[in-house]
Amino acid sequence: MARLGRAIVRVPRSISKGQVFKVQMVITHPMETGLRKDKKTGKVIPAHYITDVEFYFNNKLVTALKTGPGISKNPYFAVMMKATESGTLTIKYKDNKGGSWEKSVQVNVS
């Protein structure tokens, strides 16, 4: 598996002031429900999933998501934002085992 918690974030390269645009993100994570069994050992695979995803723009919280074990492996998230100024979009996310990560990208508004 690729590095746990690694994220790919996409925003449009050029955004006009006032434009609504889509932020897309994929996080590398196993997203185990705690209900599956290992095929070789027959033992239950412990739950391991993302619980929180927060989107900040210029250090101001834009939206927060609460997630659970029902989301697929390497989950995809997308949110719509309105462009008012250029700045830094930071996405913070954590899982039920104490893992915590963040990814930042620059948003350029013209």
N, C-alpha and C. Protein backbone atom coordinates (compact mmCIF):
# COMPACT_ATOMS: atom_id res chain seq x y z
N MET A 1 0.85 -1.18 0.00
CA MET A 1 0.00 0.00 0.00
C MET A 1 0.89 1.24 0.00
N ALA A 2 0.44 2.24 -0.70
CA ALA A 2 1.15 3.52 -0.72
C ALA A 2 1.14 4.11 0.69
N ARG A 3 1.94 5.10 0.90
CA ARG A 3 2.09 5.72 2.22
C ARG A 3 0.74 6.16 2.80
N LEU A 4 0.44 5.68 3.98
CA LEU A 4 -0.81 5.99 4.68
C LEU A 4 -0.97 7.49 4.87
N GLY A 5 -2.14 8.01 4.55
CA GLY A 5 -2.44 9.42 4.76
C GLY A 5 -2.01 10.36 3.65
N ARG A 6 -1.31 9.83 2.64
CA ARG A 6 -0.88 10.68 1.52
C ARG A 6 -2.12 11.16 0.77
N ALA A 7 -2.13 12.42 0.38
CA ALA A 7 -3.30 12.99 -0.29
C ALA A 7 -2.91 13.65 -1.60
N ILE A 8 -3.82 13.56 -2.55
CA ILE A 8 -3.71 14.29 -3.81
C ILE A 8 -4.87 15.27 -3.82
N VAL A 9 -4.57 16.55 -3.97
CA VAL A 9 -5.60 17.58 -3.99
C VAL A 9 -5.53 18.31 -5.32
N ARG A 10 -6.71 18.50 -5.92
CA ARG A 10 -6.77 19.22 -7.19
C ARG A 10 -7.72 20.41 -7.08
N VAL A 11 -7.23 21.53 -7.56
CA VAL A 11 -8.05 22.74 -7.71
C VAL A 11 -7.75 23.28 -9.11
N PRO A 12 -8.66 24.03 -9.71
CA PRO A 12 -8.37 24.61 -11.03
C PRO A 12 -7.14 25.52 -10.97
N ARG A 13 -6.39 25.56 -12.06
CA ARG A 13 -5.18 26.40 -12.11
C ARG A 13 -5.52 27.87 -12.08
N SER A 14 -6.59 28.24 -12.75
CA SER A 14 -6.98 29.64 -12.81
C SER A 14 -8.45 29.76 -12.43
N ILE A 15 -8.73 30.64 -11.50
CA ILE A 15 -10.09 30.83 -11.00
C ILE A 15 -10.39 32.33 -11.03
N SER A 16 -11.56 32.68 -11.53
CA SER A 16 -11.97 34.08 -11.56
C SER A 16 -12.61 34.45 -10.23
N LYS A 17 -12.43 35.70 -9.82
CA LYS A 17 -13.05 36.16 -8.58
C LYS A 17 -14.56 35.99 -8.66
N GLY A 18 -15.14 35.39 -7.61
CA GLY A 18 -16.57 35.14 -7.56
C GLY A 18 -16.99 33.79 -8.13
N GLN A 19 -16.06 33.09 -8.80
CA GLN A 19 -16.36 31.80 -9.41
C GLN A 19 -16.50 30.72 -8.34
N VAL A 20 -17.46 29.81 -8.53
CA VAL A 20 -17.59 28.63 -7.68
C VAL A 20 -16.77 27.53 -8.35
N PHE A 21 -15.87 26.90 -7.58
CA PHE A 21 -15.00 25.87 -8.14
C PHE A 21 -14.99 24.64 -7.25
N LYS A 22 -14.54 23.52 -7.82
CA LYS A 22 -14.53 22.25 -7.11
C LYS A 22 -13.13 21.92 -6.60
N VAL A 23 -13.04 21.56 -5.32
CA VAL A 23 -11.82 21.04 -4.72
C VAL A 23 -11.99 19.52 -4.67
N GLN A 24 -11.04 18.79 -5.26
CA GLN A 24 -11.10 17.33 -5.28
C GLN A 24 -9.91 16.76 -4.52
N MET A 25 -10.14 15.67 -3.79
CA MET A 25 -9.08 15.10 -2.97
C MET A 25 -9.25 13.59 -2.85
N VAL A 26 -8.14 12.87 -2.96
CA VAL A 26 -8.09 11.43 -2.70
C VAL A 26 -7.06 11.22 -1.61
N ILE A 27 -7.42 10.41 -0.60
CA ILE A 27 -6.53 10.11 0.51
C ILE A 27 -6.18 8.63 0.48
N THR A 28 -4.89 8.31 0.59
CA THR A 28 -4.46 6.91 0.67
C THR A 28 -4.72 6.41 2.08
N HIS A 29 -5.70 5.51 2.21
CA HIS A 29 -6.07 4.98 3.52
C HIS A 29 -6.83 3.67 3.34
N PRO A 30 -6.60 2.66 4.20
CA PRO A 30 -7.24 1.36 4.02
C PRO A 30 -8.74 1.35 4.31
N MET A 31 -9.23 2.23 5.16
CA MET A 31 -10.65 2.35 5.48
C MET A 31 -11.28 0.99 5.82
N GLU A 32 -10.71 0.34 6.82
CA GLU A 32 -11.24 -0.96 7.28
C GLU A 32 -12.41 -0.74 8.22
N THR A 33 -13.48 -1.51 8.04
CA THR A 33 -14.70 -1.37 8.84
C THR A 33 -14.62 -2.05 10.20
N GLY A 34 -13.73 -3.03 10.32
CA GLY A 34 -13.69 -3.84 11.54
C GLY A 34 -14.60 -5.04 11.44
N LEU A 35 -15.20 -5.26 10.28
CA LEU A 35 -16.12 -6.37 10.07
C LEU A 35 -15.55 -7.46 9.16
N ARG A 36 -14.49 -7.15 8.42
CA ARG A 36 -13.90 -8.14 7.51
C ARG A 36 -12.92 -9.04 8.24
N LYS A 37 -12.77 -10.25 7.70
CA LYS A 37 -11.80 -11.20 8.25
C LYS A 37 -10.66 -11.38 7.28
N ASP A 38 -9.46 -11.59 7.83
CA ASP A 38 -8.29 -11.90 7.02
C ASP A 38 -8.51 -13.29 6.42
N LYS A 39 -8.38 -13.43 5.11
CA LYS A 39 -8.63 -14.70 4.44
C LYS A 39 -7.67 -15.80 4.86
N LYS A 40 -6.44 -15.43 5.20
CA LYS A 40 -5.44 -16.44 5.58
C LYS A 40 -5.59 -16.90 7.03
N THR A 41 -5.85 -15.94 7.94
CA THR A 41 -5.88 -16.28 9.37
C THR A 41 -7.28 -16.45 9.92
N GLY A 42 -8.27 -15.88 9.26
CA GLY A 42 -9.65 -15.95 9.76
C GLY A 42 -9.93 -14.95 10.87
N LYS A 43 -8.92 -14.16 11.25
CA LYS A 43 -9.10 -13.17 12.31
C LYS A 43 -9.71 -11.88 11.74
N VAL A 44 -10.47 -11.19 12.58
CA VAL A 44 -11.08 -9.93 12.17
C VAL A 44 -9.99 -8.87 11.99
N ILE A 45 -10.08 -8.13 10.89
CA ILE A 45 -9.16 -7.02 10.65
C ILE A 45 -9.69 -5.84 11.44
N PRO A 46 -8.87 -5.26 12.34
CA PRO A 46 -9.34 -4.15 13.18
C PRO A 46 -9.81 -2.94 12.37
N ALA A 47 -10.79 -2.24 12.90
CA ALA A 47 -11.31 -1.03 12.26
C ALA A 47 -10.20 0.01 12.15
N HIS A 48 -10.13 0.66 11.01
CA HIS A 48 -9.14 1.71 10.76
C HIS A 48 -9.69 2.58 9.65
N TYR A 49 -10.21 3.75 10.02
CA TYR A 49 -10.88 4.60 9.04
C TYR A 49 -10.74 6.07 9.40
N ILE A 50 -10.93 6.92 8.40
CA ILE A 50 -10.88 8.37 8.58
C ILE A 50 -12.15 8.81 9.30
N THR A 51 -11.99 9.66 10.30
CA THR A 51 -13.14 10.14 11.08
C THR A 51 -13.49 11.60 10.82
N ASP A 52 -12.51 12.41 10.47
CA ASP A 52 -12.73 13.85 10.30
C ASP A 52 -11.92 14.39 9.13
N VAL A 53 -12.54 15.27 8.36
CA VAL A 53 -11.86 15.99 7.28
C VAL A 53 -12.29 17.45 7.40
N GLU A 54 -11.31 18.35 7.51
CA GLU A 54 -11.60 19.79 7.65
C GLU A 54 -10.90 20.57 6.55
N PHE A 55 -11.62 21.49 5.95
CA PHE A 55 -11.11 22.34 4.89
C PHE A 55 -10.97 23.77 5.42
N TYR A 56 -9.75 24.31 5.34
CA TYR A 56 -9.46 25.68 5.79
C TYR A 56 -8.98 26.49 4.59
N PHE A 57 -9.42 27.74 4.51
CA PHE A 57 -8.89 28.65 3.50
C PHE A 57 -8.33 29.86 4.22
N ASN A 58 -7.04 30.11 4.02
CA ASN A 58 -6.33 31.17 4.74
C ASN A 58 -6.59 31.08 6.24
N ASN A 59 -6.45 29.87 6.77
CA ASN A 59 -6.58 29.55 8.20
C ASN A 59 -7.99 29.71 8.76
N LYS A 60 -8.98 29.86 7.91
CA LYS A 60 -10.37 29.97 8.35
C LYS A 60 -11.11 28.70 7.94
N LEU A 61 -11.79 28.06 8.89
CA LEU A 61 -12.53 26.83 8.61
C LEU A 61 -13.64 27.11 7.61
N VAL A 62 -13.66 26.36 6.50
CA VAL A 62 -14.67 26.51 5.47
C VAL A 62 -15.76 25.46 5.66
N THR A 63 -15.35 24.21 5.85
CA THR A 63 -16.30 23.13 6.08
C THR A 63 -15.61 21.98 6.79
N ALA A 64 -16.40 21.18 7.50
CA ALA A 64 -15.87 20.02 8.22
C ALA A 64 -16.77 18.82 7.94
N LEU A 65 -16.15 17.68 7.71
CA LEU A 65 -16.88 16.45 7.43
C LEU A 65 -16.60 15.43 8.52
N LYS A 66 -17.64 14.75 8.98
CA LYS A 66 -17.50 13.61 9.90
C LYS A 66 -17.72 12.38 9.05
N THR A 67 -16.79 11.45 9.07
CA THR A 67 -16.91 10.26 8.25
C THR A 67 -16.85 9.01 9.13
N GLY A 68 -17.07 7.87 8.52
CA GLY A 68 -17.08 6.63 9.29
C GLY A 68 -16.56 5.47 8.48
N PRO A 69 -16.75 4.25 8.99
CA PRO A 69 -16.16 3.07 8.36
C PRO A 69 -16.84 2.65 7.05
N GLY A 70 -17.95 3.24 6.70
CA GLY A 70 -18.66 2.84 5.49
C GLY A 70 -18.10 3.43 4.21
N ILE A 71 -17.03 4.19 4.27
CA ILE A 71 -16.44 4.81 3.08
C ILE A 71 -15.37 3.90 2.50
N SER A 72 -15.26 3.87 1.19
CA SER A 72 -14.33 2.96 0.52
C SER A 72 -12.87 3.27 0.78
N LYS A 73 -12.04 2.28 0.51
CA LYS A 73 -10.58 2.41 0.58
C LYS A 73 -10.15 3.56 -0.33
N ASN A 74 -9.13 4.31 0.10
CA ASN A 74 -8.61 5.47 -0.65
C ASN A 74 -9.75 6.40 -1.05
N PRO A 75 -10.43 6.98 -0.05
CA PRO A 75 -11.63 7.76 -0.34
C PRO A 75 -11.39 9.04 -1.14
N TYR A 76 -12.42 9.39 -1.91
CA TYR A 76 -12.44 10.59 -2.72
C TYR A 76 -13.41 11.57 -2.06
N PHE A 77 -13.00 12.81 -1.91
CA PHE A 77 -13.85 13.86 -1.37
C PHE A 77 -13.85 15.02 -2.35
N ALA A 78 -14.98 15.70 -2.46
CA ALA A 78 -15.07 16.90 -3.30
C ALA A 78 -15.97 17.90 -2.60
N VAL A 79 -15.55 19.16 -2.60
CA VAL A 79 -16.37 20.24 -2.05
C VAL A 79 -16.34 21.40 -3.02
N MET A 80 -17.39 22.17 -3.00
CA MET A 80 -17.47 23.36 -3.84
C MET A 80 -17.12 24.58 -2.97
N MET A 81 -16.35 25.50 -3.53
CA MET A 81 -15.97 26.73 -2.83
C MET A 81 -16.17 27.91 -3.77
N LYS A 82 -16.35 29.08 -3.19
CA LYS A 82 -16.47 30.31 -3.98
C LYS A 82 -15.17 31.09 -3.84
N ALA A 83 -14.62 31.50 -4.95
CA ALA A 83 -13.35 32.22 -4.97
C ALA A 83 -13.57 33.70 -4.66
N THR A 84 -12.97 34.16 -3.58
CA THR A 84 -13.04 35.58 -3.26
C THR A 84 -11.66 36.24 -3.28
N GLU A 85 -10.63 35.42 -3.05
CA GLU A 85 -9.25 35.92 -3.04
C GLU A 85 -8.29 34.75 -3.19
N SER A 86 -7.05 35.04 -3.56
CA SER A 86 -6.02 34.01 -3.60
C SER A 86 -5.61 33.65 -2.18
N GLY A 87 -5.11 32.44 -2.03
CA GLY A 87 -4.66 32.04 -0.70
C GLY A 87 -4.32 30.57 -0.63
N THR A 88 -4.19 30.09 0.59
CA THR A 88 -3.80 28.71 0.84
C THR A 88 -4.99 27.91 1.34
N LEU A 89 -5.25 26.80 0.66
CA LEU A 89 -6.26 25.85 1.08
C LEU A 89 -5.54 24.73 1.82
N THR A 90 -5.91 24.52 3.08
CA THR A 90 -5.32 23.46 3.89
C THR A 90 -6.41 22.48 4.28
N ILE A 91 -6.14 21.22 4.06
CA ILE A 91 -7.09 20.17 4.41
C ILE A 91 -6.45 19.31 5.49
N LYS A 92 -7.13 19.21 6.63
CA LYS A 92 -6.65 18.42 7.76
C LYS A 92 -7.57 17.23 7.93
N TYR A 93 -6.99 16.07 8.17
CA TYR A 93 -7.81 14.87 8.33
C TYR A 93 -7.16 13.94 9.34
N LYS A 94 -8.01 13.14 10.02
CA LYS A 94 -7.49 12.22 11.03
C LYS A 94 -8.31 10.93 11.02
N ASP A 95 -7.72 9.89 11.62
CA ASP A 95 -8.40 8.61 11.64
C ASP A 95 -8.66 8.13 13.07
N ASN A 96 -9.34 7.01 13.20
CA ASN A 96 -9.75 6.49 14.50
C ASN A 96 -8.59 5.89 15.30
N LYS A 97 -7.40 5.78 14.73
CA LYS A 97 -6.24 5.25 15.45
C LYS A 97 -5.27 6.35 15.83
N GLY A 98 -5.69 7.60 15.74
CA GLY A 98 -4.83 8.71 16.15
C GLY A 98 -3.97 9.31 15.05
N GLY A 99 -4.07 8.77 13.84
CA GLY A 99 -3.32 9.34 12.72
C GLY A 99 -3.86 10.72 12.38
N SER A 100 -2.97 11.63 12.04
CA SER A 100 -3.38 13.00 11.72
C SER A 100 -2.47 13.52 10.62
N TRP A 101 -3.06 14.10 9.58
CA TRP A 101 -2.31 14.59 8.43
C TRP A 101 -2.89 15.91 7.96
N GLU A 102 -2.13 16.58 7.10
CA GLU A 102 -2.67 17.76 6.44
C GLU A 102 -1.98 17.94 5.10
N LYS A 103 -2.69 18.59 4.20
CA LYS A 103 -2.18 18.88 2.86
C LYS A 103 -2.61 20.29 2.51
N SER A 104 -1.68 21.08 1.96
CA SER A 104 -1.97 22.46 1.57
C SER A 104 -1.70 22.65 0.08
N VAL A 105 -2.54 23.46 -0.56
CA VAL A 105 -2.33 23.84 -1.96
C VAL A 105 -2.64 25.32 -2.11
N GLN A 106 -2.03 25.93 -3.09
CA GLN A 106 -2.26 27.34 -3.36
C GLN A 106 -3.45 27.49 -4.30
N VAL A 107 -4.32 28.45 -4.01
CA VAL A 107 -5.47 28.78 -4.86
C VAL A 107 -5.19 30.17 -5.43
N ASN A 108 -5.18 30.24 -6.76
CA ASN A 108 -4.88 31.51 -7.43
C ASN A 108 -6.14 32.10 -8.06
N VAL A 109 -6.54 33.26 -7.57
CA VAL A 109 -7.74 33.94 -8.07
C VAL A 109 -7.30 35.17 -8.85
N SER A 110 -7.87 35.31 -10.06
CA SER A 110 -7.49 36.46 -10.88
C SER A 110 -8.69 37.37 -11.10
